[in-house]
C-alpha cells in the first residue's frame, strides 16, 4: 500500500507540474509554433475572398493557442520618448495594437475615451502604435488623457523576436484584453469601420465592442450599466481542434 500511495502521489505531482507549465506559457511560445501556417492559410483565404474561413482561422488561433498564455514583458516608449516596460502597467490592460496609417471609424476613439474615463481606476487603456515617435505624436492627439499612448519603432527593434511576432501576427487594429497577471484573456479585431454610418451609430457599435471585450476581464458591475451586451459568438468553442490546414 505504501508503494502504491507513493506512485499515486508521484503521478499527481507530475500532472500538477505539467499543468503549472501549461498555465505559464508565454505569448511568444504559444504562438510561435503555429503562426507561420496561420499566416500562410490566412493570406490564401483573403486572396480567395473567403472571409468566413479567414475569420475562422483567426478565432482558432486565438481560442486554441493564445488565450491563457502570458504576454511577454517588452520595452515600449511613451509619446515623450521615455521608455517603459509593458509589465509596468499593474492593472488589467486593454491593449490596442495600431499603426498611424490606419483610419479609425468615426466613433472609435470617442467610444474608447468614454470607456477609459469610466473605468480608468480599474483598467489601463493602452494604444500601442508601431511607428516612429514623430508619426505617433501627429496621430494620437484625439485620445484623452485616460488613454496611454506608447509606441515601438521597429527600426530600433530589428532583433526583437517578440516585437516581430506581436506586430505581424494579427494585423491592425487588434485589441488584447489582458488581466492583472498579464494573462491573455481575449483578442479581438476592432469593429468594422462604417464610414457611411452616422456618428452616433459608429459610436454605439464601437462602445458595445469595447464593453463586450472589457466584460471578459470581470471588472464590470452590470447593475450600473444601462445597456445590453451583444451576444458573443461561441461557435468556435465547439470546434474540436485547431485547424490551420
Protein backbone atom coordinates (compact mmCIF):
# COMPACT_ATOMS: atom_id res chain seq x y z
CA UNK A 1 0.00 0.00 0.00
CA UNK A 2 2.86 2.35 0.78
CA UNK A 3 4.44 1.95 -2.66
CA UNK A 4 1.04 2.34 -4.34
CA UNK A 5 0.40 5.55 -2.44
CA UNK A 6 3.81 6.91 -3.34
CA UNK A 7 3.20 6.08 -7.01
CA UNK A 8 -0.15 7.90 -6.95
CA UNK A 9 1.46 10.92 -5.32
CA UNK A 10 4.20 10.86 -7.96
CA UNK A 11 1.63 10.83 -10.79
CA UNK A 12 -0.22 13.69 -9.13
CA UNK A 13 2.98 15.70 -8.82
CA UNK A 14 3.83 15.14 -12.48
CA UNK A 15 0.33 16.14 -13.55
CA UNK A 16 0.44 19.24 -11.34
CA UNK A 17 3.84 20.21 -12.70
CA UNK A 18 2.66 19.87 -16.29
CA UNK A 19 -0.47 21.87 -15.51
CA UNK A 20 1.62 24.62 -13.97
CA UNK A 21 3.86 24.72 -17.03
CA UNK A 22 0.86 24.96 -19.36
CA UNK A 23 -0.60 27.74 -17.26
CA UNK A 24 2.54 29.85 -17.62
CA UNK A 25 3.27 29.54 -21.32
CA UNK A 26 4.36 32.89 -22.71
CA UNK A 27 2.56 34.53 -25.61
CA UNK A 28 5.60 34.17 -27.84
CA UNK A 29 5.95 30.46 -27.02
CA UNK A 30 2.26 29.78 -27.57
CA UNK A 31 2.08 31.40 -30.97
CA UNK A 32 5.49 30.60 -32.45
CA UNK A 33 4.70 27.02 -33.48
CA UNK A 34 1.50 27.94 -35.32
CA UNK A 35 1.98 31.43 -36.69
CA UNK A 36 3.68 30.58 -39.99
CA UNK A 37 0.97 28.17 -41.05
CA UNK A 38 -1.71 30.58 -39.82
CA UNK A 39 -0.32 33.47 -41.87
CA UNK A 40 0.02 31.31 -44.99
CA UNK A 41 -3.51 29.97 -44.81
CA UNK A 42 -4.97 33.30 -43.77
CA UNK A 43 -3.38 35.01 -46.77
CA UNK A 44 -4.77 32.30 -49.06
CA UNK A 45 -8.24 32.81 -47.61
CA UNK A 46 -8.11 36.56 -48.18
CA UNK A 47 -6.77 36.11 -51.70
CA UNK A 48 -9.74 33.86 -52.47
CA UNK A 49 -12.06 36.34 -50.69
CA UNK A 50 -13.07 33.56 -48.34
CA UNK A 51 -13.58 35.88 -45.40
CA UNK A 52 -15.54 33.32 -43.40
CA UNK A 53 -12.54 30.98 -43.39
CA UNK A 54 -10.17 33.84 -42.58
CA UNK A 55 -12.29 34.68 -39.55
CA UNK A 56 -12.37 31.01 -38.56
CA UNK A 57 -8.58 30.76 -38.72
CA UNK A 58 -8.21 33.90 -36.60
CA UNK A 59 -10.68 32.62 -33.98
CA UNK A 60 -8.97 29.21 -33.94
CA UNK A 61 -5.57 30.77 -33.32
CA UNK A 62 -6.94 32.97 -30.55
CA UNK A 63 -9.06 30.40 -28.71
CA UNK A 64 -6.89 27.30 -29.09
CA UNK A 65 -3.40 28.80 -28.95
CA UNK A 66 -3.19 32.29 -27.47
CA UNK A 67 -5.83 32.64 -24.77
CA UNK A 68 -4.34 31.64 -21.42
CA UNK A 69 -0.78 32.50 -22.40
CA UNK A 70 1.10 35.28 -20.64
CA UNK A 71 2.15 38.36 -22.56
CA UNK A 72 5.91 38.72 -22.55
CA UNK A 73 7.47 41.77 -20.99
CA UNK A 74 9.00 44.04 -23.61
CA UNK A 75 10.09 47.69 -23.87
CA UNK A 76 7.80 50.43 -25.14
CA UNK A 77 8.21 54.17 -25.46
CA UNK A 78 5.77 56.76 -24.21
CA UNK A 79 4.80 59.61 -26.51
CA UNK A 80 7.50 61.70 -24.84
CA UNK A 81 10.09 59.11 -25.85
CA UNK A 82 10.60 57.80 -22.32
CA UNK A 83 10.98 54.01 -22.15
CA UNK A 84 8.56 51.86 -20.16
CA UNK A 85 8.26 48.08 -19.82
CA UNK A 86 4.89 46.54 -20.60
CA UNK A 87 4.64 44.89 -17.17
CA UNK A 88 4.81 48.32 -15.52
CA UNK A 89 1.07 48.53 -16.13
CA UNK A 90 -0.23 46.90 -12.95
CA UNK A 91 -3.97 46.86 -13.65
CA UNK A 92 -5.70 44.68 -16.22
CA UNK A 93 -4.88 46.12 -19.63
CA UNK A 94 -6.89 46.87 -22.75
CA UNK A 95 -4.05 46.99 -25.28
CA UNK A 96 -4.88 48.21 -28.79
CA UNK A 97 -2.26 47.44 -31.41
CA UNK A 98 -2.39 50.16 -34.06
CA UNK A 99 -0.49 51.87 -36.85
CA UNK A 100 -0.58 55.53 -37.80
CA UNK A 101 -1.73 54.71 -41.34
CA UNK A 102 -4.93 53.11 -40.01
CA UNK A 103 -8.02 55.31 -40.21
CA UNK A 104 -10.33 54.76 -37.22
CA UNK A 105 -14.10 54.78 -37.61
CA UNK A 106 -15.91 57.99 -36.68
CA UNK A 107 -16.92 56.84 -33.23
CA UNK A 108 -13.99 54.58 -32.33
CA UNK A 109 -11.76 57.00 -30.45
CA UNK A 110 -14.63 58.85 -28.70
CA UNK A 111 -16.08 55.50 -27.57
CA UNK A 112 -12.71 54.36 -26.23
CA UNK A 113 -12.21 57.71 -24.49
CA UNK A 114 -15.60 57.39 -22.79
CA UNK A 115 -14.96 53.85 -21.58
CA UNK A 116 -11.46 54.80 -20.39
CA UNK A 117 -12.96 57.70 -18.43
CA UNK A 118 -15.45 55.38 -16.71
CA UNK A 119 -13.02 52.56 -15.90
CA UNK A 120 -9.65 54.29 -15.54
CA UNK A 121 -9.48 53.26 -11.87
CA UNK A 122 -9.87 49.56 -12.73
CA UNK A 123 -8.09 49.23 -16.10
CA UNK A 124 -5.13 50.58 -18.00
CA UNK A 125 -6.10 51.58 -21.54
CA UNK A 126 -3.04 51.50 -23.79
CA UNK A 127 -2.80 52.25 -27.51
CA UNK A 128 0.37 50.76 -28.97
CA UNK A 129 1.49 52.29 -32.27
CA UNK A 130 4.04 50.55 -34.45
CA UNK A 131 5.72 53.62 -35.90
CA UNK A 132 8.14 56.47 -35.29
CA UNK A 133 7.82 58.96 -32.46
CA UNK A 134 7.15 61.77 -34.94
CA UNK A 135 4.26 59.97 -36.64
CA UNK A 136 2.77 58.81 -33.35
CA UNK A 137 2.66 62.33 -31.94
CA UNK A 138 0.86 63.53 -35.06
CA UNK A 139 -1.72 60.75 -34.99
CA UNK A 140 -2.59 60.43 -31.31
CA UNK A 141 -3.93 63.87 -30.41
CA UNK A 142 -7.58 62.77 -30.28
CA UNK A 143 -7.09 60.30 -27.43
CA UNK A 144 -7.94 61.51 -23.94
CA UNK A 145 -5.53 61.62 -21.01
CA UNK A 146 -7.13 58.42 -19.72
CA UNK A 147 -5.70 56.50 -22.69
CA UNK A 148 -1.96 55.93 -22.52
CA UNK A 149 -0.11 56.23 -25.81
CA UNK A 150 3.01 54.12 -26.39
CA UNK A 151 4.94 53.14 -29.47
CA UNK A 152 7.53 50.76 -30.82
CA UNK A 153 9.74 51.88 -33.67
CA UNK A 154 10.60 48.59 -35.36
CA UNK A 155 13.74 50.14 -36.84
CA UNK A 156 15.06 50.26 -33.32
CA UNK A 157 13.97 46.68 -32.56
CA UNK A 158 15.08 44.73 -35.61
CA UNK A 159 16.44 41.91 -33.46
CA UNK A 160 13.48 41.73 -31.11
CA UNK A 161 11.75 38.45 -31.94
CA UNK A 162 8.69 39.16 -29.79
CA UNK A 163 8.08 42.53 -31.43
CA UNK A 164 8.02 40.92 -34.85
CA UNK A 165 5.64 38.19 -33.69
CA UNK A 166 3.21 40.55 -31.99
CA UNK A 167 3.19 43.12 -34.78
CA UNK A 168 2.82 40.79 -37.73
CA UNK A 169 0.61 38.05 -36.29
CA UNK A 170 -2.80 39.69 -36.18
CA UNK A 171 -2.72 42.84 -38.28
CA UNK A 172 -4.12 46.24 -37.32
CA UNK A 173 -6.01 47.20 -35.33
CA UNK A 174 -6.22 44.35 -32.82
CA UNK A 175 -7.28 44.56 -29.17
CA UNK A 176 -5.68 42.43 -26.47
CA UNK A 177 -7.61 42.03 -23.20
CA UNK A 178 -5.05 41.17 -20.51
CA UNK A 179 -5.62 40.52 -16.80
CA UNK A 180 -3.52 41.93 -13.97
CA UNK A 181 -1.15 38.92 -14.15
CA UNK A 182 -0.57 39.69 -17.86
CA UNK A 183 -2.52 36.61 -18.93
CA UNK A 184 -4.22 36.99 -22.30
CA UNK A 185 -7.96 36.67 -21.70
CA UNK A 186 -9.15 37.55 -25.20
CA UNK A 187 -8.00 39.01 -28.51
CA UNK A 188 -10.37 40.70 -30.92
CA UNK A 189 -10.23 42.70 -34.09
CA UNK A 190 -11.92 46.06 -33.74
CA UNK A 191 -15.39 46.53 -35.12
CA UNK A 192 -15.55 47.14 -38.86
CA UNK A 193 -15.30 50.75 -39.95
CA UNK A 194 -18.66 52.07 -41.00
CA UNK A 195 -17.52 55.21 -42.78
CA UNK A 196 -21.01 55.96 -44.14
CA UNK A 197 -22.71 55.49 -40.78
CA UNK A 198 -23.76 58.43 -38.68
CA UNK A 199 -21.50 59.34 -35.78
CA UNK A 200 -23.99 58.06 -33.20
CA UNK A 201 -24.21 54.65 -34.89
CA UNK A 202 -20.44 54.35 -35.14
CA UNK A 203 -20.04 55.39 -31.51
CA UNK A 204 -22.60 52.83 -30.32
CA UNK A 205 -21.03 49.99 -32.34
CA UNK A 206 -17.56 50.74 -31.03
CA UNK A 207 -18.77 51.29 -27.46
CA UNK A 208 -20.50 47.90 -27.48
CA UNK A 209 -17.39 46.28 -28.95
CA UNK A 210 -15.09 47.60 -26.22
CA UNK A 211 -17.55 46.94 -23.40
CA UNK A 212 -18.08 43.37 -24.56
CA UNK A 213 -14.32 42.83 -24.55
CA UNK A 214 -13.84 44.50 -21.18
CA UNK A 215 -16.52 42.21 -19.74
CA UNK A 216 -14.10 39.29 -20.20
CA UNK A 217 -11.87 40.89 -17.57
CA UNK A 218 -14.64 40.60 -14.93
CA UNK A 219 -14.44 44.17 -13.64
CA UNK A 220 -17.88 45.44 -14.68
CA UNK A 221 -20.85 45.97 -12.40
CA UNK A 222 -23.71 45.24 -14.75
CA UNK A 223 -26.32 46.57 -12.33
CA UNK A 224 -24.93 50.04 -13.01
CA UNK A 225 -24.65 49.61 -16.78
CA UNK A 226 -27.61 50.82 -18.82
CA UNK A 227 -27.08 48.76 -21.94
CA UNK A 228 -27.35 45.23 -23.32
CA UNK A 229 -24.20 43.45 -24.36
CA UNK A 230 -24.14 41.92 -27.86
CA UNK A 231 -24.46 38.16 -27.98
CA UNK A 232 -21.00 36.63 -28.24
CA UNK A 233 -20.47 34.04 -30.96
CA UNK A 234 -19.24 30.95 -29.13
CA UNK A 235 -19.33 28.57 -32.06
CA UNK A 236 -15.53 28.38 -32.10
CA UNK A 237 -15.60 26.91 -28.60
CA UNK A 238 -17.29 23.83 -30.08
CA UNK A 239 -14.50 23.33 -32.61
CA UNK A 240 -12.80 20.05 -31.65
CA UNK A 241 -9.26 21.08 -32.56
CA UNK A 242 -7.13 23.80 -34.05
CA UNK A 243 -7.39 23.84 -37.82
CA UNK A 244 -4.82 25.62 -39.93
CA UNK A 245 -4.88 23.07 -42.76
